[in-house]
Amino acid sequence: MEFIAWLIIAALSVIPFLTLLPHFGVNKNWAFAAIIPLGALVLLWVLAMKLKERG
């Protein structure tokens, strides 16, 4: 049961990153780093820095 919950949470965090990362010029395969909670935080930081670069 815990594994199913983990899969659902992983999918809910990876799918948005799969669509957002290419718009910011980052390879979409990096979205799978969001499976790890710290990886999601790092990806959010990268997106924030890219957004700041755009002005």
PDB file of N, CA and C in Angstrom:
ATOM      1  N   MET A   1       0.820  -1.197   0.000  1.00  0.00           N
ATOM      2  CA  MET A   1       0.000   0.000   0.000  1.00  0.00           C
ATOM      3  C   MET A   1       0.865   1.263   0.000  1.00  0.00           C
ATOM      4  N   GLU A   2       1.952   1.237   0.738  1.00  0.00           N
ATOM      5  CA  GLU A   2       2.841   2.399   0.782  1.00  0.00           C
ATOM      6  C   GLU A   2       3.485   2.642  -0.573  1.00  0.00           C
ATOM      7  N   PHE A   3       3.786   1.552  -1.283  1.00  0.00           N
ATOM      8  CA  PHE A   3       4.412   1.684  -2.597  1.00  0.00           C
ATOM      9  C   PHE A   3       3.463   2.361  -3.573  1.00  0.00           C
ATOM     10  N   ILE A   4       2.197   2.036  -3.516  1.00  0.00           N
ATOM     11  CA  ILE A   4       1.213   2.650  -4.411  1.00  0.00           C
ATOM     12  C   ILE A   4       1.088   4.139  -4.114  1.00  0.00           C
ATOM     13  N   ALA A   5       1.091   4.495  -2.837  1.00  0.00           N
ATOM     14  CA  ALA A   5       1.024   5.909  -2.463  1.00  0.00           C
ATOM     15  C   ALA A   5       2.268   6.648  -2.962  1.00  0.00           C
ATOM     16  N   TRP A   6       3.419   6.008  -2.857  1.00  0.00           N
ATOM     17  CA  TRP A   6       4.661   6.623  -3.332  1.00  0.00           C
ATOM     18  C   TRP A   6       4.612   6.823  -4.837  1.00  0.00           C
ATOM     19  N   LEU A   7       4.083   5.854  -5.577  1.00  0.00           N
ATOM     20  CA  LEU A   7       3.966   5.989  -7.028  1.00  0.00           C
ATOM     21  C   LEU A   7       3.053   7.143  -7.418  1.00  0.00           C
ATOM     22  N   ILE A   8       1.966   7.301  -6.701  1.00  0.00           N
ATOM     23  CA  ILE A   8       1.031   8.388  -6.996  1.00  0.00           C
ATOM     24  C   ILE A   8       1.694   9.740  -6.736  1.00  0.00           C
ATOM     25  N   ILE A   9       2.368   9.858  -5.607  1.00  0.00           N
ATOM     26  CA  ILE A   9       3.048  11.116  -5.273  1.00  0.00           C
ATOM     27  C   ILE A   9       4.160  11.401  -6.281  1.00  0.00           C
ATOM     28  N   ALA A  10       4.890  10.373  -6.686  1.00  0.00           N
ATOM     29  CA  ALA A  10       5.956  10.552  -7.675  1.00  0.00           C
ATOM     30  C   ALA A  10       5.384  11.039  -9.003  1.00  0.00           C
ATOM     31  N   ALA A  11       4.293  10.443  -9.431  1.00  0.00           N
ATOM     32  CA  ALA A  11       3.676  10.855 -10.699  1.00  0.00           C
ATOM     33  C   ALA A  11       3.148  12.284 -10.613  1.00  0.00           C
ATOM     34  N   LEU A  12       2.572  12.641  -9.484  1.00  0.00           N
ATOM     35  CA  LEU A  12       2.033  13.988  -9.323  1.00  0.00           C
ATOM     36  C   LEU A  12       3.124  15.055  -9.269  1.00  0.00           C
ATOM     37  N   SER A  13       4.334  14.660  -8.959  1.00  0.00           N
ATOM     38  CA  SER A  13       5.417  15.636  -8.934  1.00  0.00           C
ATOM     39  C   SER A  13       6.235  15.628 -10.228  1.00  0.00           C
ATOM     40  N   VAL A  14       6.318  14.491 -10.909  1.00  0.00           N
ATOM     41  CA  VAL A  14       7.132  14.409 -12.126  1.00  0.00           C
ATOM     42  C   VAL A  14       6.402  14.993 -13.334  1.00  0.00           C
ATOM     43  N   ILE A  15       5.135  14.741 -13.466  1.00  0.00           N
ATOM     44  CA  ILE A  15       4.391  15.162 -14.653  1.00  0.00           C
ATOM     45  C   ILE A  15       4.420  16.683 -14.858  1.00  0.00           C
ATOM     46  N   PRO A  16       4.203  17.507 -13.833  1.00  0.00           N
ATOM     47  CA  PRO A  16       4.307  18.958 -14.072  1.00  0.00           C
ATOM     48  C   PRO A  16       5.708  19.396 -14.490  1.00  0.00           C
ATOM     49  N   PHE A  17       6.732  18.771 -13.917  1.00  0.00           N
ATOM     50  CA  PHE A  17       8.094  19.127 -14.300  1.00  0.00           C
ATOM     51  C   PHE A  17       8.384  18.707 -15.736  1.00  0.00           C
ATOM     52  N   LEU A  18       7.789  17.615 -16.200  1.00  0.00           N
ATOM     53  CA  LEU A  18       7.983  17.196 -17.588  1.00  0.00           C
ATOM     54  C   LEU A  18       7.481  18.243 -18.571  1.00  0.00           C
ATOM     55  N   THR A  19       6.454  18.961 -18.190  1.00  0.00           N
ATOM     56  CA  THR A  19       5.926  19.980 -19.085  1.00  0.00           C
ATOM     57  C   THR A  19       6.602  21.338 -18.887  1.00  0.00           C
ATOM     58  N   LEU A  20       7.049  21.637 -17.676  1.00  0.00           N
ATOM     59  CA  LEU A  20       7.640  22.948 -17.403  1.00  0.00           C
ATOM     60  C   LEU A  20       9.094  23.071 -17.817  1.00  0.00           C
ATOM     61  N   LEU A  21       9.877  22.050 -17.592  1.00  0.00           N
ATOM     62  CA  LEU A  21      11.315  22.152 -17.824  1.00  0.00           C
ATOM     63  C   LEU A  21      11.691  22.529 -19.257  1.00  0.00           C
ATOM     64  N   PRO A  22      11.067  21.963 -20.293  1.00  0.00           N
ATOM     65  CA  PRO A  22      11.440  22.380 -21.659  1.00  0.00           C
ATOM     66  C   PRO A  22      11.169  23.858 -21.938  1.00  0.00           C
ATOM     67  N   HIS A  23      10.174  24.447 -21.297  1.00  0.00           N
ATOM     68  CA  HIS A  23       9.887  25.866 -21.501  1.00  0.00           C
ATOM     69  C   HIS A  23      10.986  26.758 -20.919  1.00  0.00           C
ATOM     70  N   PHE A  24      11.727  26.223 -19.970  1.00  0.00           N
ATOM     71  CA  PHE A  24      12.807  26.980 -19.348  1.00  0.00           C
ATOM     72  C   PHE A  24      14.169  26.603 -19.904  1.00  0.00           C
ATOM     73  N   GLY A  25      14.205  25.757 -20.918  1.00  0.00           N
ATOM     74  CA  GLY A  25      15.456  25.390 -21.554  1.00  0.00           C
ATOM     75  C   GLY A  25      16.241  24.321 -20.819  1.00  0.00           C
ATOM     76  N   VAL A  26      15.560  23.504 -20.044  1.00  0.00           N
ATOM     77  CA  VAL A  26      16.201  22.421 -19.301  1.00  0.00           C
ATOM     78  C   VAL A  26      15.697  21.104 -19.885  1.00  0.00           C
ATOM     79  N   ASN A  27      16.582  20.128 -19.998  1.00  0.00           N
ATOM     80  CA  ASN A  27      16.200  18.827 -20.533  1.00  0.00           C
ATOM     81  C   ASN A  27      15.082  18.227 -19.685  1.00  0.00           C
ATOM     82  N   LYS A  28      14.040  17.730 -20.360  1.00  0.00           N
ATOM     83  CA  LYS A  28      12.884  17.218 -19.626  1.00  0.00           C
ATOM     84  C   LYS A  28      13.188  15.966 -18.811  1.00  0.00           C
ATOM     85  N   ASN A  29      14.270  15.261 -19.119  1.00  0.00           N
ATOM     86  CA  ASN A  29      14.611  14.065 -18.349  1.00  0.00           C
ATOM     87  C   ASN A  29      15.008  14.387 -16.914  1.00  0.00           C
ATOM     88  N   TRP A  30      15.365  15.632 -16.663  1.00  0.00           N
ATOM     89  CA  TRP A  30      15.684  16.031 -15.289  1.00  0.00           C
ATOM     90  C   TRP A  30      14.444  15.995 -14.395  1.00  0.00           C
ATOM     91  N   ALA A  31      13.264  15.893 -14.972  1.00  0.00           N
ATOM     92  CA  ALA A  31      12.033  15.847 -14.189  1.00  0.00           C
ATOM     93  C   ALA A  31      11.993  14.628 -13.275  1.00  0.00           C
ATOM     94  N   PHE A  32      12.703  13.574 -13.651  1.00  0.00           N
ATOM     95  CA  PHE A  32      12.691  12.378 -12.821  1.00  0.00           C
ATOM     96  C   PHE A  32      13.462  12.565 -11.520  1.00  0.00           C
ATOM     97  N   ALA A  33      14.193  13.653 -11.401  1.00  0.00           N
ATOM     98  CA  ALA A  33      14.837  13.977 -10.127  1.00  0.00           C
ATOM     99  C   ALA A  33      13.799  14.384  -9.094  1.00  0.00           C
ATOM    100  N   ALA A  34      12.607  14.730  -9.528  1.00  0.00           N
ATOM    101  CA  ALA A  34      11.543  15.134  -8.606  1.00  0.00           C
ATOM    102  C   ALA A  34      11.001  13.962  -7.803  1.00  0.00           C
ATOM    103  N   ILE A  35      11.379  12.755  -8.153  1.00  0.00           N
ATOM    104  CA  ILE A  35      10.955  11.592  -7.375  1.00  0.00           C
ATOM    105  C   ILE A  35      11.539  11.671  -5.967  1.00  0.00           C
ATOM    106  N   ILE A  36      12.743  12.217  -5.886  1.00  0.00           N
ATOM    107  CA  ILE A  36      13.392  12.420  -4.589  1.00  0.00           C
ATOM    108  C   ILE A  36      12.939  13.786  -4.074  1.00  0.00           C
ATOM    109  N   PRO A  37      12.462  13.896  -2.847  1.00  0.00           N
ATOM    110  CA  PRO A  37      11.961  15.193  -2.361  1.00  0.00           C
ATOM    111  C   PRO A  37      12.977  16.331  -2.495  1.00  0.00           C
ATOM    112  N   LEU A  38      14.228  16.081  -2.211  1.00  0.00           N
ATOM    113  CA  LEU A  38      15.239  17.121  -2.352  1.00  0.00           C
ATOM    114  C   LEU A  38      15.440  17.480  -3.819  1.00  0.00           C
ATOM    115  N   GLY A  39      15.245  16.516  -4.699  1.00  0.00           N
ATOM    116  CA  GLY A  39      15.356  16.772  -6.129  1.00  0.00           C
ATOM    117  C   GLY A  39      14.294  17.738  -6.606  1.00  0.00           C
ATOM    118  N   ALA A  40      13.095  17.638  -6.059  1.00  0.00           N
ATOM    119  CA  ALA A  40      12.024  18.563  -6.433  1.00  0.00           C
ATOM    120  C   ALA A  40      12.369  19.981  -5.992  1.00  0.00           C
ATOM    121  N   LEU A  41      12.947  20.117  -4.825  1.00  0.00           N
ATOM    122  CA  LEU A  41      13.342  21.441  -4.360  1.00  0.00           C
ATOM    123  C   LEU A  41      14.434  22.039  -5.241  1.00  0.00           C
ATOM    124  N   VAL A  42      15.377  21.229  -5.654  1.00  0.00           N
ATOM    125  CA  VAL A  42      16.442  21.700  -6.530  1.00  0.00           C
ATOM    126  C   VAL A  42      15.871  22.122  -7.880  1.00  0.00           C
ATOM    127  N   LEU A  43      14.941  21.344  -8.410  1.00  0.00           N
ATOM    128  CA  LEU A  43      14.330  21.707  -9.695  1.00  0.00           C
ATOM    129  C   LEU A  43      13.547  23.011  -9.591  1.00  0.00           C
ATOM    130  N   LEU A  44      12.857  23.206  -8.482  1.00  0.00           N
ATOM    131  CA  LEU A  44      12.146  24.463  -8.291  1.00  0.00           C
ATOM    132  C   LEU A  44      13.121  25.630  -8.224  1.00  0.00           C
ATOM    133  N   TRP A  45      14.265  25.421  -7.593  1.00  0.00           N
ATOM    134  CA  TRP A  45      15.284  26.454  -7.509  1.00  0.00           C
ATOM    135  C   TRP A  45      15.821  26.777  -8.902  1.00  0.00           C
ATOM    136  N   VAL A  46      16.070  25.747  -9.702  1.00  0.00           N
ATOM    137  CA  VAL A  46      16.573  25.951 -11.064  1.00  0.00           C
ATOM    138  C   VAL A  46      15.555  26.731 -11.889  1.00  0.00           C
ATOM    139  N   LEU A  47      14.278  26.377 -11.766  1.00  0.00           N
ATOM    140  CA  LEU A  47      13.245  27.104 -12.507  1.00  0.00           C
ATOM    141  C   LEU A  47      13.172  28.561 -12.064  1.00  0.00           C
ATOM    142  N   ALA A  48      13.330  28.810 -10.783  1.00  0.00           N
ATOM    143  CA  ALA A  48      13.290  30.185 -10.280  1.00  0.00           C
ATOM    144  C   ALA A  48      14.473  30.991 -10.818  1.00  0.00           C
ATOM    145  N   MET A  49      15.644  30.377 -10.881  1.00  0.00           N
ATOM    146  CA  MET A  49      16.807  31.085 -11.402  1.00  0.00           C
ATOM    147  C   MET A  49      16.660  31.370 -12.898  1.00  0.00           C
ATOM    148  N   LYS A  50      16.099  30.418 -13.635  1.00  0.00           N
ATOM    149  CA  LYS A  50      15.868  30.630 -15.062  1.00  0.00           C
ATOM    150  C   LYS A  50      14.842  31.747 -15.288  1.00  0.00           C
ATOM    151  N   LEU A  51      13.824  31.777 -14.445  1.00  0.00           N
ATOM    152  CA  LEU A  51      12.802  32.825 -14.559  1.00  0.00           C
ATOM    153  C   LEU A  51      13.408  34.187 -14.233  1.00  0.00           C
ATOM    154  N   LYS A  52      14.304  34.225 -13.277  1.00  0.00           N
ATOM    155  CA  LYS A  52      14.961  35.475 -12.903  1.00  0.00           C
ATOM    156  C   LYS A  52      15.857  35.959 -14.038  1.00  0.00           C
ATOM    157  N   GLU A  53      16.501  35.023 -14.767  1.00  0.00           N
ATOM    158  CA  GLU A  53      17.340  35.391 -15.909  1.00  0.00           C
ATOM    159  C   GLU A  53      16.540  36.022 -17.028  1.00  0.00           C
ATOM    160  N   ARG A  54      15.311  35.548 -17.190  1.00  0.00           N
ATOM    161  CA  ARG A  54      14.468  36.061 -18.282  1.00  0.00           C
ATOM    162  C   ARG A  54      14.039  37.506 -18.050  1.00  0.00           C
ATOM    163  N   GLY A  55      14.075  37.905 -16.817  1.00  0.00           N
ATOM    164  CA  GLY A  55      13.783  39.313 -16.554  1.00  0.00           C
ATOM    165  C   GLY A  55      12.462  39.492 -15.950  1.00  0.00           C
TER     166      GLY A  55
END
